[in-house]
Every structure is written in C-alpha cells, then in structure tokens.
Amino acid sequence: MERLLISNTTKQTIPKIAFEGIKNDILGKQYELSLTFIGQTRAQNLNLAHRNKSYTPNILSFPLDTTVGEIFICPTIAMKEAKNFNLSVKGYVAFLFIHGCLHLKGHDHGDTMERLEARYRKKYQLT
C-alpha cells in the first residue's frame, strides 16, 4: 500500500524531490500522506474555508487523524517566495514540505519548529 500519494492539479512542473524519504523521516513509514500541488485560487479558497483566512498561502497541512494527513503546496507562491529564503525553488518547495510535515507531527511555529526545520534543511542539503 502506498503511503504517499502525490498529485499535481496545476500546469506547472514540480521539481523532483525525495518527498517520500522526507515524509518517512518526519512522520514515519506508516503515516499515510496526500501531497497535492494546487493553484492560487484553490489555495486561497481552502485557506478561507478551513482557517477563515483570506490570503493565498504557500502551504496548508491538515491532519485527518493521528496517522493520516494532507498537504497542499501552491508552487506559484513558492516560486515568488524562494529568493526571500535564499533557496532555489526546488529547495524552497522541499522546505515547505518539511514545514507541513512538522505541523502534521504536532509542532507549532516557534523555536522548536525552527530548530527542526534547520536540522532537516541541513540533512537534505536544501539550497
């Protein structure tokens, strides 16, 4: 049984990234995760519907239960933001995926999450 399902609803090319390895590292091999790349309109609509926030997010993560979750990444926003983080688009998309996985693991924004992000960024040599 596949534990990571990746779909792309945009017309954009998504960089080749070791998503499954990152997922297994952070969430474990038994965790079932859906990763979908979406456009700006869908990202904004999901953010409004589920978080009551009107801006277009770069990533959204939703735990469905303790071993199943969903991550939505908006590549258009990621492409615009990558340079602000001194990362390539590929590196930034991987960073966003790490960020989403850490949220699904139960981490909130703050020092602990930033330390974990830095550790995984170094481990996966994100540039």
N, C-alpha and C. Protein backbone atom coordinates (compact mmCIF):
# COMPACT_ATOMS: atom_id res chain seq x y z
N MET A 1 0.83 -1.18 0.00
CA MET A 1 0.00 0.00 0.00
C MET A 1 0.88 1.25 0.00
N GLU A 2 0.57 2.18 -0.90
CA GLU A 2 1.32 3.42 -0.98
C GLU A 2 1.01 4.29 0.24
N ARG A 3 2.03 4.88 0.80
CA ARG A 3 1.84 5.73 1.97
C ARG A 3 1.95 7.22 1.62
N LEU A 4 2.37 7.53 0.38
CA LEU A 4 2.45 8.91 -0.07
C LEU A 4 1.84 8.99 -1.46
N LEU A 5 0.81 9.79 -1.60
CA LEU A 5 0.16 10.00 -2.87
C LEU A 5 0.41 11.44 -3.29
N ILE A 6 1.04 11.63 -4.45
CA ILE A 6 1.36 12.96 -4.93
C ILE A 6 0.51 13.25 -6.17
N SER A 7 -0.17 14.40 -6.17
CA SER A 7 -0.91 14.81 -7.36
C SER A 7 -0.62 16.28 -7.64
N ASN A 8 -0.76 16.63 -8.91
CA ASN A 8 -0.46 17.99 -9.35
C ASN A 8 -1.66 18.50 -10.13
N THR A 9 -2.39 19.44 -9.56
CA THR A 9 -3.55 19.99 -10.24
C THR A 9 -3.22 21.28 -10.98
N THR A 10 -1.93 21.66 -10.99
CA THR A 10 -1.51 22.86 -11.71
C THR A 10 -0.87 22.42 -13.02
N LYS A 11 -0.59 23.38 -13.87
CA LYS A 11 0.09 23.08 -15.14
C LYS A 11 1.60 23.26 -14.99
N GLN A 12 2.05 23.50 -13.77
CA GLN A 12 3.46 23.76 -13.52
C GLN A 12 4.23 22.46 -13.33
N THR A 13 5.49 22.49 -13.72
CA THR A 13 6.38 21.36 -13.48
C THR A 13 6.86 21.44 -12.04
N ILE A 14 6.75 20.34 -11.34
CA ILE A 14 7.17 20.28 -9.94
C ILE A 14 8.56 19.67 -9.88
N PRO A 15 9.48 20.31 -9.15
CA PRO A 15 10.85 19.76 -9.07
C PRO A 15 10.87 18.36 -8.47
N LYS A 16 11.83 17.56 -8.91
CA LYS A 16 11.99 16.21 -8.37
C LYS A 16 12.62 16.32 -6.98
N ILE A 17 11.88 15.88 -5.99
CA ILE A 17 12.31 15.96 -4.59
C ILE A 17 11.99 14.62 -3.94
N ALA A 18 12.80 14.22 -2.99
CA ALA A 18 12.61 12.94 -2.29
C ALA A 18 11.52 13.08 -1.23
N PHE A 19 10.29 13.37 -1.68
CA PHE A 19 9.19 13.60 -0.74
C PHE A 19 8.96 12.41 0.18
N GLU A 20 9.00 11.20 -0.36
CA GLU A 20 8.70 10.03 0.47
C GLU A 20 9.74 9.85 1.58
N GLY A 21 11.01 10.07 1.26
CA GLY A 21 12.05 9.96 2.27
C GLY A 21 11.88 10.98 3.38
N ILE A 22 11.55 12.20 3.01
CA ILE A 22 11.32 13.25 4.00
C ILE A 22 10.11 12.89 4.86
N LYS A 23 9.03 12.45 4.21
CA LYS A 23 7.82 12.06 4.93
C LYS A 23 8.11 10.96 5.93
N ASN A 24 8.83 9.92 5.48
CA ASN A 24 9.16 8.80 6.36
C ASN A 24 10.03 9.25 7.53
N ASP A 25 10.95 10.16 7.26
CA ASP A 25 11.87 10.65 8.28
C ASP A 25 11.13 11.41 9.39
N ILE A 26 10.17 12.22 8.99
CA ILE A 26 9.48 13.08 9.96
C ILE A 26 8.24 12.39 10.55
N LEU A 27 7.44 11.77 9.71
CA LEU A 27 6.16 11.22 10.15
C LEU A 27 6.15 9.71 10.34
N GLY A 28 7.13 9.03 9.78
CA GLY A 28 7.20 7.58 9.89
C GLY A 28 6.65 6.90 8.64
N LYS A 29 7.07 5.67 8.44
CA LYS A 29 6.68 4.92 7.24
C LYS A 29 5.21 4.56 7.22
N GLN A 30 4.59 4.42 8.37
CA GLN A 30 3.18 4.01 8.41
C GLN A 30 2.21 5.17 8.20
N TYR A 31 2.71 6.39 8.26
CA TYR A 31 1.84 7.56 8.08
C TYR A 31 1.39 7.65 6.63
N GLU A 32 0.11 7.84 6.40
CA GLU A 32 -0.45 7.98 5.06
C GLU A 32 -0.63 9.46 4.76
N LEU A 33 -0.01 9.92 3.67
CA LEU A 33 0.01 11.34 3.36
C LEU A 33 -0.35 11.57 1.90
N SER A 34 -1.20 12.55 1.69
CA SER A 34 -1.55 13.01 0.36
C SER A 34 -0.89 14.37 0.17
N LEU A 35 -0.12 14.53 -0.90
CA LEU A 35 0.54 15.79 -1.25
C LEU A 35 -0.03 16.25 -2.57
N THR A 36 -0.62 17.45 -2.58
CA THR A 36 -1.22 17.98 -3.80
C THR A 36 -0.67 19.37 -4.07
N PHE A 37 -0.27 19.58 -5.32
CA PHE A 37 0.18 20.90 -5.77
C PHE A 37 -1.02 21.59 -6.41
N ILE A 38 -1.33 22.79 -5.91
CA ILE A 38 -2.55 23.47 -6.30
C ILE A 38 -2.25 24.90 -6.76
N GLY A 39 -3.21 25.48 -7.46
CA GLY A 39 -3.11 26.87 -7.90
C GLY A 39 -3.50 27.83 -6.80
N GLN A 40 -3.31 29.11 -7.11
CA GLN A 40 -3.55 30.16 -6.11
C GLN A 40 -5.01 30.25 -5.69
N THR A 41 -5.93 30.11 -6.62
CA THR A 41 -7.35 30.23 -6.29
C THR A 41 -7.77 29.12 -5.33
N ARG A 42 -7.37 27.89 -5.63
CA ARG A 42 -7.74 26.79 -4.74
C ARG A 42 -7.08 26.94 -3.37
N ALA A 43 -5.82 27.38 -3.36
CA ALA A 43 -5.12 27.58 -2.08
C ALA A 43 -5.85 28.62 -1.23
N GLN A 44 -6.23 29.72 -1.85
CA GLN A 44 -6.94 30.77 -1.12
C GLN A 44 -8.30 30.27 -0.64
N ASN A 45 -9.01 29.54 -1.50
CA ASN A 45 -10.33 29.01 -1.10
C ASN A 45 -10.22 28.02 0.06
N LEU A 46 -9.22 27.15 0.03
CA LEU A 46 -9.02 26.21 1.14
C LEU A 46 -8.68 26.94 2.43
N ASN A 47 -7.83 27.95 2.31
CA ASN A 47 -7.43 28.74 3.49
C ASN A 47 -8.63 29.45 4.10
N LEU A 48 -9.49 29.98 3.25
CA LEU A 48 -10.69 30.66 3.73
C LEU A 48 -11.67 29.67 4.36
N ALA A 49 -11.88 28.56 3.69
CA ALA A 49 -12.86 27.57 4.17
C ALA A 49 -12.44 26.90 5.46
N HIS A 50 -11.14 26.59 5.60
CA HIS A 50 -10.69 25.80 6.75
C HIS A 50 -10.02 26.60 7.86
N ARG A 51 -9.55 27.81 7.51
CA ARG A 51 -8.83 28.59 8.52
C ARG A 51 -9.40 29.99 8.70
N ASN A 52 -10.41 30.32 7.88
CA ASN A 52 -11.04 31.63 7.92
C ASN A 52 -10.03 32.76 7.68
N LYS A 53 -9.06 32.50 6.81
CA LYS A 53 -8.04 33.49 6.44
C LYS A 53 -8.12 33.69 4.94
N SER A 54 -8.05 34.94 4.50
CA SER A 54 -8.32 35.25 3.10
C SER A 54 -7.07 35.31 2.20
N TYR A 55 -5.86 35.27 2.76
CA TYR A 55 -4.67 35.36 1.92
C TYR A 55 -4.40 34.02 1.22
N THR A 56 -3.55 34.07 0.21
CA THR A 56 -3.16 32.85 -0.52
C THR A 56 -1.92 32.27 0.15
N PRO A 57 -2.03 31.10 0.75
CA PRO A 57 -0.89 30.51 1.48
C PRO A 57 0.06 29.77 0.53
N ASN A 58 1.29 29.59 0.99
CA ASN A 58 2.25 28.79 0.23
C ASN A 58 2.02 27.29 0.50
N ILE A 59 1.57 26.97 1.69
CA ILE A 59 1.33 25.58 2.09
C ILE A 59 0.19 25.51 3.09
N LEU A 60 -0.55 24.42 3.02
CA LEU A 60 -1.56 24.11 4.02
C LEU A 60 -1.38 22.64 4.39
N SER A 61 -1.51 22.33 5.65
CA SER A 61 -1.43 20.93 6.08
C SER A 61 -2.62 20.65 6.99
N PHE A 62 -3.23 19.49 6.75
CA PHE A 62 -4.42 19.10 7.50
C PHE A 62 -4.26 17.68 8.03
N PRO A 63 -4.20 17.51 9.34
CA PRO A 63 -4.22 16.15 9.89
C PRO A 63 -5.64 15.62 9.83
N LEU A 64 -5.80 14.43 9.31
CA LEU A 64 -7.13 13.81 9.25
C LEU A 64 -7.35 12.91 10.45
N ASP A 65 -6.28 12.29 10.94
CA ASP A 65 -6.25 11.61 12.23
C ASP A 65 -4.77 11.48 12.59
N THR A 66 -4.44 10.64 13.53
CA THR A 66 -3.05 10.57 14.01
C THR A 66 -2.09 9.93 13.01
N THR A 67 -2.61 9.22 12.01
CA THR A 67 -1.73 8.55 11.05
C THR A 67 -2.05 8.87 9.59
N VAL A 68 -2.89 9.88 9.37
CA VAL A 68 -3.28 10.26 8.01
C VAL A 68 -3.37 11.78 7.92
N GLY A 69 -2.81 12.33 6.83
CA GLY A 69 -2.88 13.77 6.65
C GLY A 69 -2.80 14.18 5.20
N GLU A 70 -3.00 15.47 4.98
CA GLU A 70 -2.93 16.06 3.64
C GLU A 70 -2.05 17.30 3.69
N ILE A 71 -1.29 17.50 2.62
CA ILE A 71 -0.52 18.72 2.44
C ILE A 71 -0.84 19.26 1.06
N PHE A 72 -1.08 20.58 1.00
CA PHE A 72 -1.31 21.29 -0.26
C PHE A 72 -0.24 22.36 -0.39
N ILE A 73 0.48 22.35 -1.49
CA ILE A 73 1.52 23.35 -1.76
C ILE A 73 1.13 24.13 -3.00
N CYS A 74 1.26 25.45 -2.93
CA CYS A 74 0.99 26.32 -4.06
C CYS A 74 2.33 26.72 -4.69
N PRO A 75 2.72 26.07 -5.81
CA PRO A 75 4.02 26.34 -6.41
C PRO A 75 4.19 27.78 -6.89
N THR A 76 3.11 28.43 -7.30
CA THR A 76 3.21 29.82 -7.76
C THR A 76 3.70 30.72 -6.64
N ILE A 77 3.15 30.53 -5.47
CA ILE A 77 3.58 31.32 -4.30
C ILE A 77 5.00 30.92 -3.92
N ALA A 78 5.30 29.63 -3.96
CA ALA A 78 6.65 29.16 -3.62
C ALA A 78 7.69 29.79 -4.54
N MET A 79 7.38 29.89 -5.83
CA MET A 79 8.33 30.49 -6.77
C MET A 79 8.59 31.95 -6.45
N LYS A 80 7.56 32.66 -6.00
CA LYS A 80 7.71 34.07 -5.65
C LYS A 80 8.50 34.25 -4.36
N GLU A 81 8.37 33.31 -3.42
CA GLU A 81 8.98 33.47 -2.10
C GLU A 81 10.38 32.88 -1.97
N ALA A 82 10.76 31.96 -2.83
CA ALA A 82 12.01 31.21 -2.66
C ALA A 82 13.21 32.12 -2.44
N LYS A 83 13.33 33.18 -3.24
CA LYS A 83 14.50 34.06 -3.13
C LYS A 83 14.58 34.76 -1.77
N ASN A 84 13.42 34.98 -1.14
CA ASN A 84 13.40 35.62 0.19
C ASN A 84 14.03 34.72 1.26
N PHE A 85 14.13 33.43 0.99
CA PHE A 85 14.68 32.47 1.93
C PHE A 85 16.04 31.95 1.47
N ASN A 86 16.61 32.63 0.45
CA ASN A 86 17.91 32.24 -0.11
C ASN A 86 17.92 30.77 -0.52
N LEU A 87 16.82 30.32 -1.13
CA LEU A 87 16.71 28.95 -1.61
C LEU A 87 16.29 28.95 -3.07
N SER A 88 16.67 27.90 -3.77
CA SER A 88 16.14 27.67 -5.11
C SER A 88 14.66 27.31 -4.97
N VAL A 89 13.94 27.32 -6.06
CA VAL A 89 12.53 26.92 -6.00
C VAL A 89 12.44 25.48 -5.49
N LYS A 90 13.30 24.60 -5.99
CA LYS A 90 13.30 23.20 -5.55
C LYS A 90 13.56 23.11 -4.05
N GLY A 91 14.57 23.84 -3.58
CA GLY A 91 14.90 23.83 -2.15
C GLY A 91 13.78 24.38 -1.30
N TYR A 92 13.11 25.42 -1.80
CA TYR A 92 12.03 26.02 -1.02
C TYR A 92 10.79 25.12 -0.99
N VAL A 93 10.47 24.47 -2.10
CA VAL A 93 9.34 23.53 -2.11
C VAL A 93 9.62 22.40 -1.12
N ALA A 94 10.84 21.89 -1.10
CA ALA A 94 11.21 20.85 -0.13
C ALA A 94 11.10 21.38 1.30
N PHE A 95 11.54 22.61 1.52
CA PHE A 95 11.43 23.23 2.84
C PHE A 95 9.97 23.35 3.27
N LEU A 96 9.10 23.78 2.34
CA LEU A 96 7.68 23.88 2.66
C LEU A 96 7.10 22.52 3.02
N PHE A 97 7.53 21.48 2.30
CA PHE A 97 7.06 20.13 2.60
C PHE A 97 7.49 19.71 4.00
N ILE A 98 8.73 20.00 4.35
CA ILE A 98 9.23 19.72 5.70
C ILE A 98 8.38 20.48 6.73
N HIS A 99 8.13 21.74 6.46
CA HIS A 99 7.31 22.59 7.34
C HIS A 99 5.94 21.96 7.56
N GLY A 100 5.31 21.54 6.48
CA GLY A 100 3.99 20.91 6.58
C GLY A 100 4.02 19.61 7.35
N CYS A 101 5.05 18.80 7.12
CA CYS A 101 5.18 17.53 7.86
C CYS A 101 5.36 17.78 9.35
N LEU A 102 6.12 18.81 9.69
CA LEU A 102 6.32 19.13 11.11
C LEU A 102 5.01 19.58 11.75
N HIS A 103 4.19 20.32 11.02
CA HIS A 103 2.86 20.66 11.54
C HIS A 103 2.04 19.40 11.77
N LEU A 104 2.07 18.48 10.81
CA LEU A 104 1.31 17.24 10.96
C LEU A 104 1.82 16.41 12.13
N LYS A 105 3.09 16.56 12.45
CA LYS A 105 3.69 15.86 13.59
C LYS A 105 3.26 16.50 14.91
N GLY A 106 2.64 17.68 14.82
CA GLY A 106 2.13 18.34 16.03
C GLY A 106 2.88 19.57 16.46
N HIS A 107 3.85 20.00 15.68
CA HIS A 107 4.64 21.18 16.04
C HIS A 107 3.95 22.46 15.58
N ASP A 108 4.07 23.50 16.41
CA ASP A 108 3.57 24.83 16.07
C ASP A 108 4.77 25.72 15.77
N HIS A 109 4.51 26.87 15.16
CA HIS A 109 5.58 27.82 14.88
C HIS A 109 6.27 28.21 16.18
N GLY A 110 7.57 28.35 16.10
CA GLY A 110 8.35 28.73 17.28
C GLY A 110 9.75 28.17 17.20
N ASP A 111 10.49 28.33 18.30
CA ASP A 111 11.90 27.93 18.33
C ASP A 111 12.13 26.45 18.03
N THR A 112 11.32 25.58 18.63
CA THR A 112 11.50 24.13 18.40
C THR A 112 11.31 23.79 16.93
N MET A 113 10.26 24.34 16.33
CA MET A 113 9.99 24.05 14.93
C MET A 113 11.11 24.61 14.05
N GLU A 114 11.59 25.79 14.35
CA GLU A 114 12.68 26.38 13.57
C GLU A 114 13.95 25.55 13.68
N ARG A 115 14.24 25.02 14.85
CA ARG A 115 15.42 24.15 15.01
C ARG A 115 15.26 22.88 14.19
N LEU A 116 14.07 22.29 14.22
CA LEU A 116 13.83 21.08 13.44
C LEU A 116 13.92 21.37 11.94
N GLU A 117 13.35 22.50 11.51
CA GLU A 117 13.44 22.87 10.10
C GLU A 117 14.90 23.03 9.67
N ALA A 118 15.70 23.69 10.50
CA ALA A 118 17.12 23.87 10.18
C ALA A 118 17.84 22.53 10.11
N ARG A 119 17.49 21.62 11.02
CA ARG A 119 18.12 20.29 11.01
C ARG A 119 17.79 19.54 9.72
N TYR A 120 16.52 19.54 9.33
CA TYR A 120 16.13 18.83 8.10
C TYR A 120 16.64 19.56 6.86
N ARG A 121 16.69 20.86 6.91
CA ARG A 121 17.23 21.62 5.77
C ARG A 121 18.69 21.24 5.53
N LYS A 122 19.44 21.10 6.62
CA LYS A 122 20.84 20.69 6.51
C LYS A 122 20.93 19.23 6.08
N LYS A 123 20.13 18.36 6.67
CA LYS A 123 20.17 16.93 6.35
C LYS A 123 19.89 16.68 4.87
N TYR A 124 18.93 17.40 4.33
CA TYR A 124 18.56 17.21 2.92
C TYR A 124 19.28 18.18 1.99
N GLN A 125 20.24 18.92 2.54
CA GLN A 125 21.10 19.82 1.77
C GLN A 125 20.30 20.74 0.86
N LEU A 126 19.32 21.42 1.44
CA LEU A 126 18.46 22.31 0.66
C LEU A 126 19.20 23.59 0.35
N THR A 127 19.24 23.90 -0.91
CA THR A 127 19.91 25.14 -1.36
C THR A 127 19.00 25.94 -2.25
